[in-house]
Amino acid sequence: MDAESQLIGACQRGDADAWDQLFSTYYSVAGKFIYQLSPHLSAEDVEEICQEVFLSVVRNISTFHAKSAFQTWLYKIAVNKTRDYIEKQRALKRGGGEQPFSLDAENPETGLKIDPPARSVGPDGSLMNAERMSLIHSALERLGDPCREIIELKYFGDLSYDEIGQELQLNPKTVSSRLSKCLDKLEEIARPIFQEENFSQSSV
């Protein structure tokens, strides 16, 4: 039995130390993944979603039977919780002030940190990347599932074809083929969105 299986088994038996280790190992991992799922999430948003994700993990850990890696299972929960959260926010308001992440920020209750993905480009490049990511996310929303899910797991979660296949109960070759077709669909949707954005910028 590998270390991850032993850790999950200990959590399923209610070992408090094992739960502490699980949280410290995967909390920031989940936060980074959630942060990439939407360009409009603030630090507080990601923190709230993370808490919902791990609450779901605690409640459902007994249903995890290692058919996929724990991180893959965690990402699946994170995708669902993030979408639920975004839908609730949209129902409540439009827009709103976003607050940047702090690399040193800690949850006062858990002491855990959520580190956003590193960015090494300058301010102009960061703004351009943010704008492009926003357009890509708009295209993903129009794409819908199951394509949206497989793209998120591959490119935001950085999962292998084998890991995605285990989670979605697909052959790795099927994952590769489906991903290729989904990327083609995404390109078709994204092209007019980017063209419209470029036109609006050139008109300013």
N, C-alpha and C. Protein backbone atom coordinates (compact mmCIF):
# COMPACT_ATOMS: atom_id res chain seq x y z
N MET A 1 0.85 -1.19 0.00
CA MET A 1 0.00 0.00 0.00
C MET A 1 0.89 1.25 0.00
N ASP A 2 0.63 2.19 -0.92
CA ASP A 2 1.46 3.38 -0.99
C ASP A 2 1.08 4.38 0.10
N ALA A 3 1.90 5.45 0.19
CA ALA A 3 1.72 6.43 1.27
C ALA A 3 0.37 7.12 1.19
N GLU A 4 -0.08 7.43 -0.04
CA GLU A 4 -1.37 8.12 -0.19
C GLU A 4 -2.50 7.22 0.28
N SER A 5 -2.47 5.97 -0.11
CA SER A 5 -3.51 5.03 0.31
C SER A 5 -3.54 4.87 1.82
N GLN A 6 -2.36 4.85 2.42
CA GLN A 6 -2.29 4.73 3.88
C GLN A 6 -2.88 5.97 4.54
N LEU A 7 -2.58 7.15 3.96
CA LEU A 7 -3.09 8.40 4.51
C LEU A 7 -4.61 8.46 4.40
N ILE A 8 -5.13 8.09 3.24
CA ILE A 8 -6.58 8.12 3.05
C ILE A 8 -7.26 7.11 3.97
N GLY A 9 -6.64 5.94 4.10
CA GLY A 9 -7.20 4.93 4.99
C GLY A 9 -7.27 5.41 6.43
N ALA A 10 -6.21 6.11 6.86
CA ALA A 10 -6.20 6.65 8.22
C ALA A 10 -7.28 7.71 8.40
N CYS A 11 -7.49 8.54 7.37
CA CYS A 11 -8.56 9.54 7.42
C CYS A 11 -9.93 8.87 7.52
N GLN A 12 -10.11 7.81 6.76
CA GLN A 12 -11.38 7.10 6.78
C GLN A 12 -11.65 6.46 8.14
N ARG A 13 -10.58 6.19 8.87
CA ARG A 13 -10.73 5.61 10.22
C ARG A 13 -10.87 6.70 11.28
N GLY A 14 -10.81 7.98 10.84
CA GLY A 14 -11.02 9.09 11.76
C GLY A 14 -9.78 9.55 12.48
N ASP A 15 -8.60 9.27 11.92
CA ASP A 15 -7.34 9.68 12.54
C ASP A 15 -7.15 11.20 12.37
N ALA A 16 -7.16 11.93 13.48
CA ALA A 16 -7.07 13.40 13.43
C ALA A 16 -5.75 13.87 12.83
N ASP A 17 -4.65 13.19 13.16
CA ASP A 17 -3.35 13.58 12.62
C ASP A 17 -3.31 13.38 11.10
N ALA A 18 -3.95 12.33 10.64
CA ALA A 18 -4.00 12.07 9.20
C ALA A 18 -4.79 13.16 8.48
N TRP A 19 -5.88 13.60 9.09
CA TRP A 19 -6.65 14.69 8.50
C TRP A 19 -5.83 15.97 8.43
N ASP A 20 -5.07 16.25 9.48
CA ASP A 20 -4.20 17.43 9.47
C ASP A 20 -3.19 17.35 8.33
N GLN A 21 -2.63 16.16 8.13
CA GLN A 21 -1.65 15.97 7.06
C GLN A 21 -2.31 16.12 5.69
N LEU A 22 -3.52 15.59 5.55
CA LEU A 22 -4.24 15.69 4.29
C LEU A 22 -4.52 17.15 3.95
N PHE A 23 -5.00 17.91 4.94
CA PHE A 23 -5.29 19.32 4.71
C PHE A 23 -4.03 20.09 4.33
N SER A 24 -2.95 19.88 5.08
CA SER A 24 -1.72 20.64 4.83
C SER A 24 -1.12 20.29 3.47
N THR A 25 -1.35 19.05 3.01
CA THR A 25 -0.80 18.61 1.73
C THR A 25 -1.62 19.12 0.55
N TYR A 26 -2.94 19.12 0.69
CA TYR A 26 -3.79 19.36 -0.48
C TYR A 26 -4.56 20.68 -0.47
N TYR A 27 -4.52 21.41 0.63
CA TYR A 27 -5.31 22.64 0.70
C TYR A 27 -4.84 23.66 -0.34
N SER A 28 -3.53 23.93 -0.38
CA SER A 28 -3.02 24.90 -1.35
C SER A 28 -3.12 24.37 -2.77
N VAL A 29 -3.02 23.06 -2.93
CA VAL A 29 -3.18 22.44 -4.26
C VAL A 29 -4.58 22.71 -4.81
N ALA A 30 -5.57 22.51 -3.95
CA ALA A 30 -6.96 22.79 -4.35
C ALA A 30 -7.15 24.27 -4.64
N GLY A 31 -6.54 25.12 -3.80
CA GLY A 31 -6.68 26.56 -4.00
C GLY A 31 -6.14 27.03 -5.33
N LYS A 32 -4.97 26.52 -5.72
CA LYS A 32 -4.39 26.89 -7.01
C LYS A 32 -5.29 26.46 -8.17
N PHE A 33 -5.82 25.25 -8.05
CA PHE A 33 -6.70 24.74 -9.11
C PHE A 33 -7.96 25.59 -9.22
N ILE A 34 -8.59 25.89 -8.09
CA ILE A 34 -9.81 26.70 -8.08
C ILE A 34 -9.54 28.09 -8.65
N TYR A 35 -8.41 28.67 -8.27
CA TYR A 35 -8.04 30.00 -8.74
C TYR A 35 -8.00 30.06 -10.26
N GLN A 36 -7.56 28.97 -10.90
CA GLN A 36 -7.44 28.94 -12.35
C GLN A 36 -8.77 28.67 -13.05
N LEU A 37 -9.76 28.22 -12.32
CA LEU A 37 -11.04 27.90 -12.95
C LEU A 37 -11.83 29.14 -13.35
N SER A 38 -11.56 30.27 -12.72
CA SER A 38 -12.25 31.51 -13.08
C SER A 38 -11.33 32.69 -12.80
N PRO A 39 -11.22 33.63 -13.74
CA PRO A 39 -10.37 34.81 -13.53
C PRO A 39 -11.00 35.83 -12.60
N HIS A 40 -12.24 35.63 -12.21
CA HIS A 40 -12.97 36.62 -11.42
C HIS A 40 -13.05 36.28 -9.93
N LEU A 41 -12.40 35.20 -9.53
CA LEU A 41 -12.46 34.80 -8.12
C LEU A 41 -11.45 35.59 -7.30
N SER A 42 -11.90 36.12 -6.17
CA SER A 42 -11.01 36.82 -5.25
C SER A 42 -10.41 35.82 -4.27
N ALA A 43 -9.49 36.30 -3.44
CA ALA A 43 -8.89 35.44 -2.42
C ALA A 43 -9.96 34.89 -1.48
N GLU A 44 -10.90 35.76 -1.12
CA GLU A 44 -11.98 35.35 -0.22
C GLU A 44 -12.87 34.30 -0.88
N ASP A 45 -13.12 34.47 -2.18
CA ASP A 45 -13.94 33.49 -2.92
C ASP A 45 -13.28 32.12 -2.88
N VAL A 46 -11.99 32.09 -3.22
CA VAL A 46 -11.27 30.81 -3.27
C VAL A 46 -11.21 30.18 -1.89
N GLU A 47 -11.01 30.99 -0.88
CA GLU A 47 -10.99 30.48 0.49
C GLU A 47 -12.32 29.83 0.85
N GLU A 48 -13.41 30.49 0.49
CA GLU A 48 -14.74 29.96 0.80
C GLU A 48 -15.01 28.67 0.05
N ILE A 49 -14.60 28.64 -1.23
CA ILE A 49 -14.80 27.44 -2.04
C ILE A 49 -13.96 26.29 -1.48
N CYS A 50 -12.72 26.60 -1.10
CA CYS A 50 -11.84 25.57 -0.53
C CYS A 50 -12.46 24.94 0.71
N GLN A 51 -13.05 25.77 1.54
CA GLN A 51 -13.68 25.26 2.74
C GLN A 51 -14.85 24.33 2.39
N GLU A 52 -15.61 24.70 1.36
CA GLU A 52 -16.72 23.85 0.91
C GLU A 52 -16.19 22.53 0.34
N VAL A 53 -15.08 22.62 -0.40
CA VAL A 53 -14.48 21.43 -0.99
C VAL A 53 -14.05 20.45 0.09
N PHE A 54 -13.34 20.95 1.11
CA PHE A 54 -12.83 20.05 2.13
C PHE A 54 -13.92 19.59 3.09
N LEU A 55 -14.97 20.38 3.23
CA LEU A 55 -16.12 19.91 3.98
C LEU A 55 -16.74 18.72 3.26
N SER A 56 -16.82 18.81 1.93
CA SER A 56 -17.34 17.71 1.13
C SER A 56 -16.42 16.50 1.21
N VAL A 57 -15.10 16.74 1.23
CA VAL A 57 -14.15 15.64 1.36
C VAL A 57 -14.36 14.91 2.69
N VAL A 58 -14.50 15.68 3.77
CA VAL A 58 -14.72 15.08 5.09
C VAL A 58 -15.99 14.23 5.10
N ARG A 59 -17.04 14.77 4.48
CA ARG A 59 -18.33 14.08 4.49
C ARG A 59 -18.32 12.84 3.61
N ASN A 60 -17.50 12.85 2.56
CA ASN A 60 -17.59 11.79 1.55
C ASN A 60 -16.34 10.93 1.43
N ILE A 61 -15.39 11.09 2.35
CA ILE A 61 -14.15 10.33 2.26
C ILE A 61 -14.40 8.83 2.28
N SER A 62 -15.47 8.41 2.92
CA SER A 62 -15.77 6.97 2.98
C SER A 62 -16.14 6.40 1.62
N THR A 63 -16.54 7.29 0.68
CA THR A 63 -16.93 6.82 -0.65
C THR A 63 -15.75 6.76 -1.61
N PHE A 64 -14.58 7.26 -1.15
CA PHE A 64 -13.40 7.23 -2.01
C PHE A 64 -12.75 5.86 -1.90
N HIS A 65 -12.66 5.16 -3.05
CA HIS A 65 -12.14 3.80 -3.05
C HIS A 65 -10.89 3.66 -3.90
N ALA A 66 -10.19 4.77 -4.12
CA ALA A 66 -8.90 4.75 -4.83
C ALA A 66 -9.00 4.23 -6.26
N LYS A 67 -10.18 4.40 -6.88
CA LYS A 67 -10.27 4.07 -8.30
C LYS A 67 -9.52 5.10 -9.14
N SER A 68 -9.31 6.27 -8.59
CA SER A 68 -8.47 7.30 -9.18
C SER A 68 -7.59 7.86 -8.08
N ALA A 69 -6.63 8.71 -8.44
CA ALA A 69 -5.79 9.34 -7.43
C ALA A 69 -6.66 10.29 -6.60
N PHE A 70 -6.28 10.46 -5.34
CA PHE A 70 -7.06 11.34 -4.47
C PHE A 70 -7.12 12.75 -5.05
N GLN A 71 -6.00 13.24 -5.60
CA GLN A 71 -5.98 14.59 -6.14
C GLN A 71 -6.98 14.74 -7.29
N THR A 72 -7.11 13.71 -8.11
CA THR A 72 -8.07 13.74 -9.20
C THR A 72 -9.49 13.85 -8.66
N TRP A 73 -9.78 13.07 -7.64
CA TRP A 73 -11.09 13.11 -6.98
C TRP A 73 -11.33 14.48 -6.36
N LEU A 74 -10.30 15.02 -5.76
CA LEU A 74 -10.38 16.35 -5.15
C LEU A 74 -10.69 17.41 -6.20
N TYR A 75 -10.03 17.33 -7.36
CA TYR A 75 -10.27 18.30 -8.44
C TYR A 75 -11.71 18.22 -8.93
N LYS A 76 -12.24 17.01 -8.99
CA LYS A 76 -13.62 16.84 -9.46
C LYS A 76 -14.58 17.55 -8.51
N ILE A 77 -14.36 17.39 -7.22
CA ILE A 77 -15.18 18.08 -6.22
C ILE A 77 -15.00 19.59 -6.36
N ALA A 78 -13.75 20.02 -6.55
CA ALA A 78 -13.45 21.45 -6.66
C ALA A 78 -14.14 22.08 -7.87
N VAL A 79 -14.17 21.37 -8.98
CA VAL A 79 -14.86 21.88 -10.17
C VAL A 79 -16.34 22.11 -9.87
N ASN A 80 -16.97 21.12 -9.26
CA ASN A 80 -18.40 21.23 -8.96
C ASN A 80 -18.69 22.34 -7.96
N LYS A 81 -17.88 22.43 -6.90
CA LYS A 81 -18.10 23.45 -5.88
C LYS A 81 -17.85 24.86 -6.45
N THR A 82 -16.86 24.98 -7.32
CA THR A 82 -16.57 26.28 -7.93
C THR A 82 -17.71 26.72 -8.83
N ARG A 83 -18.22 25.81 -9.60
CA ARG A 83 -19.34 26.16 -10.50
C ARG A 83 -20.58 26.54 -9.69
N ASP A 84 -20.83 25.79 -8.63
CA ASP A 84 -21.97 26.11 -7.78
C ASP A 84 -21.82 27.50 -7.18
N TYR A 85 -20.62 27.80 -6.72
CA TYR A 85 -20.35 29.09 -6.08
C TYR A 85 -20.54 30.23 -7.07
N ILE A 86 -19.99 30.06 -8.28
CA ILE A 86 -20.09 31.11 -9.29
C ILE A 86 -21.54 31.36 -9.68
N GLU A 87 -22.30 30.28 -9.80
CA GLU A 87 -23.72 30.43 -10.14
C GLU A 87 -24.47 31.18 -9.04
N LYS A 88 -24.16 30.87 -7.79
CA LYS A 88 -24.81 31.57 -6.68
C LYS A 88 -24.44 33.05 -6.68
N GLN A 89 -23.15 33.35 -6.95
CA GLN A 89 -22.71 34.74 -6.98
C GLN A 89 -23.39 35.51 -8.11
N ARG A 90 -23.54 34.87 -9.23
CA ARG A 90 -24.19 35.52 -10.37
C ARG A 90 -25.65 35.83 -10.07
N ALA A 91 -26.24 34.94 -9.30
CA ALA A 91 -27.64 35.15 -8.95
C ALA A 91 -27.79 36.31 -7.97
N LEU A 92 -26.74 36.58 -7.19
CA LEU A 92 -26.81 37.63 -6.18
C LEU A 92 -26.39 38.99 -6.71
N LYS A 93 -25.39 38.99 -7.59
CA LYS A 93 -24.87 40.29 -8.03
C LYS A 93 -24.18 40.18 -9.37
N ARG A 94 -23.89 41.32 -9.92
CA ARG A 94 -23.12 41.43 -11.16
C ARG A 94 -21.85 42.20 -10.84
N GLY A 95 -20.70 41.68 -11.29
CA GLY A 95 -19.44 42.39 -11.05
C GLY A 95 -19.03 42.32 -9.61
N GLY A 96 -18.46 43.42 -9.12
CA GLY A 96 -17.99 43.48 -7.74
C GLY A 96 -16.50 43.65 -7.67
N GLY A 97 -16.01 44.21 -6.59
CA GLY A 97 -14.59 44.47 -6.44
C GLY A 97 -13.82 43.21 -6.14
N GLU A 98 -12.82 42.94 -6.94
CA GLU A 98 -11.97 41.78 -6.73
C GLU A 98 -10.77 42.18 -5.88
N GLN A 99 -10.36 41.31 -4.99
CA GLN A 99 -9.20 41.56 -4.16
C GLN A 99 -8.08 40.62 -4.55
N PRO A 100 -6.86 41.13 -4.69
CA PRO A 100 -5.75 40.27 -5.12
C PRO A 100 -5.35 39.28 -4.05
N PHE A 101 -4.71 38.21 -4.50
CA PHE A 101 -4.18 37.23 -3.57
C PHE A 101 -2.97 37.78 -2.83
N SER A 102 -2.80 37.38 -1.61
CA SER A 102 -1.58 37.64 -0.86
C SER A 102 -0.88 36.32 -0.66
N LEU A 103 0.39 36.26 -1.06
CA LEU A 103 1.14 35.02 -0.92
C LEU A 103 1.33 34.63 0.53
N ASP A 104 1.22 35.61 1.43
CA ASP A 104 1.44 35.35 2.85
C ASP A 104 0.14 35.21 3.63
N ALA A 105 -0.99 35.34 2.95
CA ALA A 105 -2.27 35.32 3.66
C ALA A 105 -2.54 33.92 4.20
N GLU A 106 -3.03 33.86 5.41
CA GLU A 106 -3.39 32.59 6.03
C GLU A 106 -4.84 32.63 6.50
N ASN A 107 -5.46 31.50 6.44
CA ASN A 107 -6.77 31.37 7.04
C ASN A 107 -6.58 31.40 8.55
N PRO A 108 -7.19 32.38 9.25
CA PRO A 108 -6.97 32.49 10.70
C PRO A 108 -7.44 31.27 11.48
N GLU A 109 -8.38 30.50 10.90
CA GLU A 109 -8.89 29.33 11.60
C GLU A 109 -8.02 28.10 11.39
N THR A 110 -7.52 27.92 10.15
CA THR A 110 -6.76 26.71 9.84
C THR A 110 -5.26 26.96 9.78
N GLY A 111 -4.85 28.23 9.55
CA GLY A 111 -3.44 28.53 9.41
C GLY A 111 -2.87 28.09 8.07
N LEU A 112 -3.74 27.65 7.15
CA LEU A 112 -3.30 27.16 5.84
C LEU A 112 -3.28 28.29 4.83
N LYS A 113 -2.39 28.17 3.86
CA LYS A 113 -2.25 29.20 2.83
C LYS A 113 -2.74 28.68 1.49
N ILE A 114 -3.20 29.61 0.66
CA ILE A 114 -3.52 29.28 -0.73
C ILE A 114 -2.59 30.11 -1.60
N ASP A 115 -1.66 29.46 -2.27
CA ASP A 115 -0.74 30.19 -3.13
C ASP A 115 -1.24 30.16 -4.57
N PRO A 116 -1.41 31.34 -5.18
CA PRO A 116 -1.84 31.37 -6.57
C PRO A 116 -0.73 30.91 -7.48
N PRO A 117 -1.05 30.51 -8.72
CA PRO A 117 0.00 30.13 -9.66
C PRO A 117 0.99 31.27 -9.85
N ALA A 118 2.27 30.93 -9.96
CA ALA A 118 3.30 31.96 -10.10
C ALA A 118 3.20 32.66 -11.45
N ARG A 119 3.48 33.95 -11.45
CA ARG A 119 3.51 34.73 -12.68
C ARG A 119 4.83 35.48 -12.73
N SER A 120 5.54 35.35 -13.85
CA SER A 120 6.86 35.96 -13.96
C SER A 120 6.88 37.11 -14.96
N VAL A 121 5.74 37.48 -15.52
CA VAL A 121 5.70 38.54 -16.51
C VAL A 121 5.45 39.87 -15.83
N GLY A 122 5.68 40.96 -16.58
CA GLY A 122 5.51 42.31 -16.05
C GLY A 122 4.05 42.69 -15.96
N PRO A 123 3.76 43.90 -15.45
CA PRO A 123 2.38 44.34 -15.26
C PRO A 123 1.55 44.31 -16.54
N ASP A 124 2.13 44.80 -17.65
CA ASP A 124 1.39 44.79 -18.91
C ASP A 124 1.09 43.37 -19.36
N GLY A 125 2.10 42.51 -19.21
CA GLY A 125 1.91 41.12 -19.60
C GLY A 125 0.88 40.45 -18.72
N SER A 126 0.88 40.77 -17.43
CA SER A 126 -0.09 40.18 -16.51
C SER A 126 -1.50 40.59 -16.89
N LEU A 127 -1.66 41.87 -17.24
CA LEU A 127 -2.97 42.35 -17.64
C LEU A 127 -3.44 41.66 -18.90
N MET A 128 -2.52 41.51 -19.87
CA MET A 128 -2.86 40.84 -21.12
C MET A 128 -3.24 39.39 -20.86
N ASN A 129 -2.44 38.72 -20.01
CA ASN A 129 -2.74 37.32 -19.69
C ASN A 129 -4.10 37.20 -19.01
N ALA A 130 -4.40 38.14 -18.10
CA ALA A 130 -5.67 38.11 -17.39
C ALA A 130 -6.82 38.29 -18.37
N GLU A 131 -6.64 39.22 -19.32
CA GLU A 131 -7.70 39.46 -20.31
C GLU A 131 -7.89 38.25 -21.20
N ARG A 132 -6.78 37.64 -21.63
CA ARG A 132 -6.86 36.45 -22.49
C ARG A 132 -7.51 35.29 -21.73
N MET A 133 -7.12 35.12 -20.45
CA MET A 133 -7.71 34.04 -19.67
C MET A 133 -9.20 34.25 -19.48
N SER A 134 -9.59 35.51 -19.31
CA SER A 134 -11.01 35.81 -19.16
C SER A 134 -11.78 35.41 -20.42
N LEU A 135 -11.19 35.68 -21.58
CA LEU A 135 -11.83 35.31 -22.85
C LEU A 135 -11.88 33.79 -23.01
N ILE A 136 -10.80 33.13 -22.61
CA ILE A 136 -10.77 31.67 -22.70
C ILE A 136 -11.84 31.05 -21.80
N HIS A 137 -11.99 31.61 -20.60
CA HIS A 137 -13.02 31.10 -19.69
C HIS A 137 -14.42 31.35 -20.24
N SER A 138 -14.60 32.47 -20.92
CA SER A 138 -15.90 32.74 -21.56
C SER A 138 -16.20 31.68 -22.61
N ALA A 139 -15.16 31.32 -23.38
CA ALA A 139 -15.33 30.29 -24.40
C ALA A 139 -15.62 28.93 -23.76
N LEU A 140 -14.95 28.63 -22.64
CA LEU A 140 -15.18 27.36 -21.95
C LEU A 140 -16.61 27.26 -21.43
N GLU A 141 -17.14 28.37 -20.94
CA GLU A 141 -18.51 28.36 -20.44
C GLU A 141 -19.49 28.05 -21.56
N ARG A 142 -19.22 28.58 -22.74
CA ARG A 142 -20.10 28.30 -23.89
C ARG A 142 -19.92 26.88 -24.39
N LEU A 143 -18.72 26.33 -24.19
CA LEU A 143 -18.44 24.97 -24.64
C LEU A 143 -19.28 23.95 -23.88
N GLY A 144 -19.35 24.11 -22.55
CA GLY A 144 -20.15 23.21 -21.74
C GLY A 144 -19.50 21.85 -21.55
N ASP A 145 -20.14 21.02 -20.72
CA ASP A 145 -19.66 19.67 -20.46
C ASP A 145 -20.11 18.73 -21.58
N PRO A 146 -19.41 17.59 -21.79
CA PRO A 146 -18.27 17.09 -21.01
C PRO A 146 -16.93 17.68 -21.43
N CYS A 147 -16.92 18.46 -22.52
CA CYS A 147 -15.65 19.00 -23.01
C CYS A 147 -15.01 19.94 -22.00
N ARG A 148 -15.81 20.77 -21.39
CA ARG A 148 -15.26 21.73 -20.43
C ARG A 148 -14.55 21.01 -19.29
N GLU A 149 -15.13 19.95 -18.80
CA GLU A 149 -14.55 19.22 -17.68
C GLU A 149 -13.20 18.61 -18.05
N ILE A 150 -13.12 17.99 -19.20
CA ILE A 150 -11.88 17.31 -19.58
C ILE A 150 -10.77 18.31 -19.84
N ILE A 151 -11.10 19.49 -20.37
CA ILE A 151 -10.10 20.54 -20.60
C ILE A 151 -9.62 21.11 -19.26
N GLU A 152 -10.54 21.33 -18.34
CA GLU A 152 -10.16 21.86 -17.03
C GLU A 152 -9.24 20.90 -16.28
N LEU A 153 -9.57 19.61 -16.31
CA LEU A 153 -8.75 18.63 -15.61
C LEU A 153 -7.36 18.51 -16.24
N LYS A 154 -7.29 18.62 -17.57
CA LYS A 154 -6.02 18.47 -18.26
C LYS A 154 -5.14 19.71 -18.10
N TYR A 155 -5.69 20.88 -18.35
CA TYR A 155 -4.85 22.08 -18.43
C TYR A 155 -4.82 22.91 -17.15
N PHE A 156 -5.86 22.86 -16.34
CA PHE A 156 -5.84 23.57 -15.06
C PHE A 156 -5.37 22.63 -13.95
N GLY A 157 -5.78 21.38 -14.03
CA GLY A 157 -5.38 20.41 -13.02
C GLY A 157 -4.08 19.70 -13.35
N ASP A 158 -3.63 19.83 -14.62
CA ASP A 158 -2.37 19.22 -15.06
C ASP A 158 -2.37 17.71 -14.82
N LEU A 159 -3.52 17.08 -15.09
CA LEU A 159 -3.63 15.63 -14.93
C LEU A 159 -3.22 14.92 -16.21
N SER A 160 -2.73 13.71 -16.06
CA SER A 160 -2.34 12.91 -17.22
C SER A 160 -3.58 12.28 -17.86
N TYR A 161 -3.41 11.74 -19.06
CA TYR A 161 -4.52 11.05 -19.71
C TYR A 161 -4.99 9.87 -18.87
N ASP A 162 -4.03 9.16 -18.25
CA ASP A 162 -4.38 8.02 -17.40
C ASP A 162 -5.23 8.47 -16.21
N GLU A 163 -4.84 9.57 -15.57
CA GLU A 163 -5.57 10.06 -14.39
C GLU A 163 -6.96 10.53 -14.77
N ILE A 164 -7.07 11.24 -15.89
CA ILE A 164 -8.38 11.69 -16.35
C ILE A 164 -9.25 10.49 -16.71
N GLY A 165 -8.63 9.52 -17.37
CA GLY A 165 -9.36 8.32 -17.76
C GLY A 165 -9.91 7.57 -16.56
N GLN A 166 -9.11 7.48 -15.50
CA GLN A 166 -9.56 6.79 -14.28
C GLN A 166 -10.75 7.51 -13.66
N GLU A 167 -10.69 8.83 -13.64
CA GLU A 167 -11.77 9.60 -13.02
C GLU A 167 -13.05 9.56 -13.86
N LEU A 168 -12.90 9.67 -15.19
CA LEU A 168 -14.06 9.72 -16.07
C LEU A 168 -14.44 8.36 -16.62
N GLN A 169 -13.71 7.32 -16.17
CA GLN A 169 -13.96 5.94 -16.61
C GLN A 169 -13.86 5.83 -18.13
N LEU A 170 -12.74 6.34 -18.65
CA LEU A 170 -12.47 6.30 -20.08
C LEU A 170 -11.09 5.71 -20.32
N ASN A 171 -10.91 5.09 -21.48
CA ASN A 171 -9.59 4.64 -21.90
C ASN A 171 -8.71 5.87 -22.17
N PRO A 172 -7.42 5.84 -21.78
CA PRO A 172 -6.55 6.99 -22.03
C PRO A 172 -6.54 7.44 -23.49
N LYS A 173 -6.62 6.48 -24.42
CA LYS A 173 -6.65 6.85 -25.84
C LYS A 173 -7.95 7.59 -26.17
N THR A 174 -9.03 7.18 -25.52
CA THR A 174 -10.31 7.88 -25.71
C THR A 174 -10.22 9.29 -25.15
N VAL A 175 -9.54 9.44 -24.01
CA VAL A 175 -9.35 10.77 -23.43
C VAL A 175 -8.59 11.66 -24.41
N SER A 176 -7.51 11.12 -24.98
CA SER A 176 -6.70 11.89 -25.93
C SER A 176 -7.52 12.31 -27.15
N SER A 177 -8.29 11.37 -27.68
CA SER A 177 -9.11 11.65 -28.85
C SER A 177 -10.20 12.67 -28.53
N ARG A 178 -10.86 12.48 -27.39
CA ARG A 178 -11.94 13.39 -27.00
C ARG A 178 -11.39 14.79 -26.72
N LEU A 179 -10.23 14.84 -26.07
CA LEU A 179 -9.62 16.13 -25.77
C LEU A 179 -9.29 16.88 -27.05
N SER A 180 -8.77 16.17 -28.03
CA SER A 180 -8.43 16.80 -29.31
C SER A 180 -9.68 17.39 -29.97
N LYS A 181 -10.76 16.63 -29.97
CA LYS A 181 -12.01 17.12 -30.56
C LYS A 181 -12.57 18.30 -29.77
N CYS A 182 -12.43 18.23 -28.44
CA CYS A 182 -12.94 19.32 -27.60
C CYS A 182 -12.14 20.60 -27.81
N LEU A 183 -10.83 20.46 -28.00
CA LEU A 183 -10.01 21.64 -28.27
C LEU A 183 -10.37 22.27 -29.60
N ASP A 184 -10.72 21.44 -30.57
CA ASP A 184 -11.18 21.97 -31.86
C ASP A 184 -12.47 22.77 -31.69
N LYS A 185 -13.38 22.22 -30.88
CA LYS A 185 -14.64 22.93 -30.61
C LYS A 185 -14.39 24.24 -29.87
N LEU A 186 -13.46 24.17 -28.90
CA LEU A 186 -13.13 25.37 -28.13
C LEU A 186 -12.55 26.45 -29.04
N GLU A 187 -11.71 26.04 -29.98
CA GLU A 187 -11.12 27.00 -30.90
C GLU A 187 -12.19 27.67 -31.76
N GLU A 188 -13.17 26.89 -32.18
CA GLU A 188 -14.26 27.45 -32.99
C GLU A 188 -15.04 28.49 -32.20
N ILE A 189 -15.27 28.21 -30.93
CA ILE A 189 -16.01 29.14 -30.08
C ILE A 189 -15.16 30.36 -29.74
N ALA A 190 -13.87 30.10 -29.45
CA ALA A 190 -13.00 31.18 -28.98
C ALA A 190 -12.62 32.16 -30.09
N ARG A 191 -12.51 31.69 -31.32
CA ARG A 191 -12.02 32.55 -32.40
C ARG A 191 -12.84 33.83 -32.55
N PRO A 192 -14.17 33.74 -32.68
CA PRO A 192 -14.94 34.99 -32.81
C PRO A 192 -14.89 35.86 -31.56
N ILE A 193 -14.74 35.23 -30.38
CA ILE A 193 -14.64 36.01 -29.14
C ILE A 193 -13.37 36.85 -29.14
N PHE A 194 -12.26 36.24 -29.55
CA PHE A 194 -10.99 36.97 -29.60
C PHE A 194 -11.01 38.02 -30.70
N GLN A 195 -11.63 37.69 -31.83
CA GLN A 195 -11.71 38.65 -32.93
C GLN A 195 -12.53 39.88 -32.51
N GLU A 196 -13.61 39.63 -31.80
CA GLU A 196 -14.45 40.73 -31.31
C GLU A 196 -13.68 41.60 -30.32
N GLU A 197 -12.90 40.95 -29.44
CA GLU A 197 -12.11 41.69 -28.46
C GLU A 197 -11.04 42.53 -29.16
N ASN A 198 -10.36 41.94 -30.16
CA ASN A 198 -9.32 42.67 -30.89
C ASN A 198 -9.90 43.86 -31.64
N PHE A 199 -11.12 43.68 -32.18
CA PHE A 199 -11.77 44.75 -32.90
C PHE A 199 -12.13 45.89 -31.96
N SER A 200 -12.65 45.55 -30.76
CA SER A 200 -13.05 46.59 -29.81
C SER A 200 -11.83 47.37 -29.32
N GLN A 201 -10.68 46.69 -29.17
CA GLN A 201 -9.47 47.35 -28.73
C GLN A 201 -8.92 48.29 -29.80
N SER A 202 -9.01 47.83 -31.06
CA SER A 202 -8.49 48.65 -32.16
C SER A 202 -9.36 49.86 -32.42
N SER A 203 -10.62 49.80 -31.93
CA SER A 203 -11.56 50.90 -32.17
C SER A 203 -11.42 52.00 -31.12
N VAL A 204 -10.69 51.68 -30.02
CA VAL A 204 -10.55 52.65 -28.92
C VAL A 204 -9.59 53.77 -29.33
